[in-house]
N, C-alpha and C. Protein backbone atom coordinates (compact mmCIF):
# COMPACT_ATOMS: atom_id res chain seq x y z
N MET A 1 148.21 98.30 -6.30
CA MET A 1 147.31 97.19 -6.02
C MET A 1 148.01 96.18 -5.13
N ASN A 2 147.29 95.69 -4.13
CA ASN A 2 147.82 94.66 -3.25
C ASN A 2 147.33 93.29 -3.68
N TYR A 3 148.15 92.30 -3.39
CA TYR A 3 147.80 90.91 -3.60
C TYR A 3 147.91 90.21 -2.25
N TYR A 4 147.10 89.20 -2.08
CA TYR A 4 147.04 88.50 -0.79
C TYR A 4 147.20 87.01 -0.97
N MET A 5 147.97 86.40 -0.08
CA MET A 5 147.98 84.96 0.12
C MET A 5 147.19 84.78 1.41
N TYR A 6 146.24 83.85 1.40
CA TYR A 6 145.39 83.71 2.57
C TYR A 6 145.13 82.24 2.89
N ILE A 7 144.79 82.01 4.15
CA ILE A 7 144.45 80.67 4.61
C ILE A 7 143.08 80.74 5.26
N LEU A 8 142.18 79.89 4.75
CA LEU A 8 140.82 79.76 5.30
C LEU A 8 140.72 78.44 6.05
N PHE A 9 139.77 78.38 6.98
CA PHE A 9 139.51 77.14 7.71
C PHE A 9 138.01 76.88 7.71
N SER A 10 137.65 75.62 7.50
CA SER A 10 136.26 75.19 7.60
C SER A 10 136.13 74.21 8.76
N ALA A 11 135.35 74.57 9.76
CA ALA A 11 135.11 73.66 10.88
C ALA A 11 134.29 72.45 10.42
N ILE A 12 133.40 72.67 9.46
CA ILE A 12 132.58 71.57 8.93
C ILE A 12 133.46 70.50 8.29
N LYS A 13 134.42 70.93 7.47
CA LYS A 13 135.31 70.00 6.78
C LYS A 13 136.56 69.68 7.61
N ASN A 14 136.79 70.46 8.67
CA ASN A 14 138.02 70.36 9.45
C ASN A 14 139.22 70.41 8.51
N SER A 15 139.20 71.46 7.67
CA SER A 15 140.16 71.54 6.59
C SER A 15 140.59 72.99 6.35
N TYR A 16 141.82 73.13 5.86
CA TYR A 16 142.34 74.43 5.47
C TYR A 16 142.30 74.58 3.96
N TYR A 17 142.18 75.81 3.51
CA TYR A 17 142.27 76.15 2.10
C TYR A 17 143.26 77.29 1.97
N ILE A 18 144.22 77.15 1.06
CA ILE A 18 145.24 78.16 0.85
C ILE A 18 145.03 78.74 -0.55
N GLY A 19 144.97 80.06 -0.63
CA GLY A 19 144.74 80.70 -1.92
C GLY A 19 145.42 82.05 -2.00
N PHE A 20 145.24 82.69 -3.14
CA PHE A 20 145.74 84.05 -3.32
C PHE A 20 144.72 84.83 -4.14
N THR A 21 144.77 86.14 -4.02
CA THR A 21 143.87 86.99 -4.79
C THR A 21 144.46 88.38 -4.95
N GLY A 22 144.03 89.04 -5.99
CA GLY A 22 144.32 90.45 -6.20
C GLY A 22 143.07 91.27 -5.96
N ASP A 23 141.96 90.57 -5.66
CA ASP A 23 140.68 91.22 -5.37
C ASP A 23 140.66 91.70 -3.93
N ASP A 24 139.59 92.37 -3.57
CA ASP A 24 139.33 92.72 -2.19
C ASP A 24 139.23 91.42 -1.39
N LEU A 25 139.99 91.32 -0.33
CA LEU A 25 140.07 90.07 0.44
C LEU A 25 138.72 89.68 1.03
N ASP A 26 137.99 90.63 1.59
CA ASP A 26 136.67 90.32 2.17
C ASP A 26 135.71 89.79 1.11
N GLU A 27 135.76 90.39 -0.07
CA GLU A 27 134.89 89.94 -1.17
C GLU A 27 135.28 88.54 -1.62
N ARG A 28 136.56 88.25 -1.65
CA ARG A 28 137.02 86.92 -2.06
C ARG A 28 136.53 85.85 -1.09
N ILE A 29 136.59 86.15 0.20
CA ILE A 29 136.11 85.19 1.21
C ILE A 29 134.61 85.00 1.07
N ARG A 30 133.89 86.09 0.80
CA ARG A 30 132.45 85.97 0.58
C ARG A 30 132.16 85.02 -0.58
N LYS A 31 132.94 85.12 -1.64
CA LYS A 31 132.75 84.23 -2.80
C LYS A 31 133.03 82.78 -2.43
N HIS A 32 134.02 82.55 -1.58
CA HIS A 32 134.29 81.17 -1.14
C HIS A 32 133.09 80.59 -0.39
N ASN A 33 132.34 81.45 0.27
CA ASN A 33 131.20 81.00 1.07
C ASN A 33 129.89 81.00 0.30
N THR A 34 129.95 80.97 -1.01
CA THR A 34 128.76 80.83 -1.84
C THR A 34 128.77 79.45 -2.48
N ASN A 35 127.61 79.02 -2.93
CA ASN A 35 127.49 77.72 -3.58
C ASN A 35 128.05 77.83 -4.99
N HIS A 36 129.20 77.22 -5.24
CA HIS A 36 129.85 77.24 -6.55
C HIS A 36 130.64 75.95 -6.74
N LYS A 37 131.04 75.71 -7.98
CA LYS A 37 131.90 74.55 -8.24
C LYS A 37 133.26 74.84 -7.64
N GLY A 38 133.92 73.80 -7.22
CA GLY A 38 135.25 73.96 -6.64
C GLY A 38 135.29 73.50 -5.20
N TYR A 39 136.48 73.45 -4.68
CA TYR A 39 136.73 72.88 -3.36
C TYR A 39 135.94 73.56 -2.25
N THR A 40 135.90 74.88 -2.25
CA THR A 40 135.25 75.59 -1.15
C THR A 40 133.75 75.79 -1.35
N GLY A 41 133.24 75.53 -2.53
CA GLY A 41 131.85 75.83 -2.84
C GLY A 41 130.82 74.88 -2.27
N HIS A 42 131.25 73.71 -1.85
CA HIS A 42 130.30 72.71 -1.37
C HIS A 42 129.90 72.90 0.09
N HIS A 43 130.66 73.69 0.81
CA HIS A 43 130.36 73.96 2.22
C HIS A 43 130.57 75.45 2.48
N GLN A 44 129.70 76.00 3.30
CA GLN A 44 129.89 77.39 3.72
C GLN A 44 130.55 77.39 5.09
N GLY A 45 130.85 78.56 5.58
CA GLY A 45 131.46 78.67 6.91
C GLY A 45 132.97 78.76 6.88
N TRP A 46 133.55 79.08 5.71
CA TRP A 46 135.00 79.28 5.64
C TRP A 46 135.36 80.57 6.37
N GLU A 47 136.36 80.49 7.23
CA GLU A 47 136.80 81.65 8.02
C GLU A 47 138.25 81.97 7.69
N LEU A 48 138.54 83.25 7.57
CA LEU A 48 139.91 83.69 7.35
C LEU A 48 140.70 83.48 8.64
N LYS A 49 141.81 82.74 8.53
CA LYS A 49 142.67 82.49 9.69
C LYS A 49 144.01 83.21 9.59
N TYR A 50 144.41 83.53 8.35
CA TYR A 50 145.73 84.13 8.17
C TYR A 50 145.82 84.76 6.79
N TYR A 51 146.57 85.84 6.69
CA TYR A 51 146.85 86.40 5.37
C TYR A 51 148.17 87.15 5.39
N GLU A 52 148.76 87.28 4.21
CA GLU A 52 149.95 88.10 4.01
C GLU A 52 149.68 88.99 2.81
N THR A 53 150.23 90.18 2.81
CA THR A 53 150.03 91.15 1.74
C THR A 53 151.31 91.28 0.93
N PHE A 54 151.15 91.35 -0.40
CA PHE A 54 152.28 91.45 -1.32
C PHE A 54 152.05 92.57 -2.32
N ASN A 55 153.14 93.07 -2.87
CA ASN A 55 153.07 94.12 -3.89
C ASN A 55 152.90 93.57 -5.29
N SER A 56 153.16 92.26 -5.47
CA SER A 56 153.06 91.69 -6.81
C SER A 56 152.35 90.34 -6.77
N LYS A 57 151.72 90.03 -7.89
CA LYS A 57 151.04 88.74 -8.04
C LYS A 57 152.03 87.59 -7.94
N ILE A 58 153.20 87.76 -8.51
CA ILE A 58 154.22 86.70 -8.50
C ILE A 58 154.63 86.36 -7.08
N GLU A 59 154.83 87.38 -6.24
CA GLU A 59 155.21 87.13 -4.84
C GLU A 59 154.11 86.36 -4.11
N ALA A 60 152.86 86.76 -4.31
CA ALA A 60 151.73 86.10 -3.65
C ALA A 60 151.61 84.65 -4.11
N LEU A 61 151.77 84.42 -5.40
CA LEU A 61 151.70 83.05 -5.94
C LEU A 61 152.83 82.18 -5.41
N LYS A 62 154.03 82.74 -5.32
CA LYS A 62 155.17 81.99 -4.79
C LYS A 62 154.92 81.57 -3.35
N ARG A 63 154.37 82.49 -2.56
CA ARG A 63 154.11 82.18 -1.15
C ARG A 63 153.01 81.13 -1.02
N GLU A 64 151.96 81.26 -1.84
CA GLU A 64 150.89 80.26 -1.83
C GLU A 64 151.46 78.88 -2.15
N LYS A 65 152.26 78.79 -3.19
CA LYS A 65 152.84 77.52 -3.60
C LYS A 65 153.75 76.96 -2.51
N GLN A 66 154.54 77.83 -1.88
CA GLN A 66 155.44 77.39 -0.81
C GLN A 66 154.66 76.71 0.32
N ILE A 67 153.59 77.36 0.75
CA ILE A 67 152.80 76.81 1.86
C ILE A 67 152.09 75.53 1.44
N LYS A 68 151.53 75.50 0.23
CA LYS A 68 150.88 74.28 -0.25
C LYS A 68 151.87 73.12 -0.33
N ASN A 69 153.10 73.40 -0.68
CA ASN A 69 154.11 72.35 -0.78
C ASN A 69 154.53 71.79 0.58
N TRP A 70 154.24 72.51 1.65
CA TRP A 70 154.53 71.97 2.98
C TRP A 70 153.77 70.68 3.22
N LYS A 71 152.53 70.62 2.74
CA LYS A 71 151.66 69.45 2.95
C LYS A 71 151.65 69.02 4.42
N SER A 72 151.67 70.01 5.28
CA SER A 72 151.74 69.75 6.71
C SER A 72 150.77 70.64 7.47
N ARG A 73 149.77 70.03 8.04
CA ARG A 73 148.81 70.78 8.86
C ARG A 73 149.51 71.42 10.05
N LYS A 74 150.48 70.70 10.61
CA LYS A 74 151.21 71.20 11.78
C LYS A 74 151.94 72.51 11.45
N LEU A 75 152.60 72.57 10.29
CA LEU A 75 153.30 73.80 9.90
C LEU A 75 152.33 74.94 9.62
N ILE A 76 151.21 74.62 8.99
CA ILE A 76 150.20 75.65 8.72
C ILE A 76 149.67 76.21 10.04
N GLU A 77 149.37 75.34 10.98
CA GLU A 77 148.84 75.80 12.27
C GLU A 77 149.89 76.57 13.06
N LYS A 78 151.15 76.23 12.90
CA LYS A 78 152.21 77.01 13.54
C LYS A 78 152.26 78.41 12.94
N LEU A 79 152.15 78.51 11.61
CA LEU A 79 152.12 79.80 10.94
C LEU A 79 150.92 80.63 11.40
N ILE A 80 149.78 80.02 11.49
CA ILE A 80 148.55 80.70 11.90
C ILE A 80 148.67 81.25 13.32
N GLY A 81 149.48 80.62 14.13
CA GLY A 81 149.71 81.08 15.49
C GLY A 81 150.26 82.50 15.54
N PHE A 82 150.82 82.95 14.42
CA PHE A 82 151.37 84.30 14.31
C PHE A 82 150.49 85.17 13.42
N ALA A 83 149.23 84.81 13.32
CA ALA A 83 148.30 85.48 12.39
C ALA A 83 147.96 86.89 12.85
N HIS A 84 147.43 87.64 11.89
CA HIS A 84 146.93 88.98 12.19
C HIS A 84 145.70 88.86 13.08
N PRO A 85 145.64 89.61 14.17
CA PRO A 85 144.43 89.58 14.99
C PRO A 85 143.31 90.32 14.26
N ASP A 86 142.17 89.67 14.10
CA ASP A 86 141.03 90.31 13.42
C ASP A 86 139.88 90.52 14.37
């Protein structure tokens, strides 16, 4: 099973969201774009900008926490510059 750390972007909110999942990545993004409680549920249009694949949940969580601790849009956008072409 693969785990993913991913970064979404909302043009409406002009905001990034950093998360992780062990689910199918496309399905997880679809869930973010539904009306639900939580940060991403109030607006649709979240787009995948970057992801990394891991063999363990712990690795994915560590990477998510590392990026969230940056608290820097500039560093996130620099990382995204090396994103997977989709």
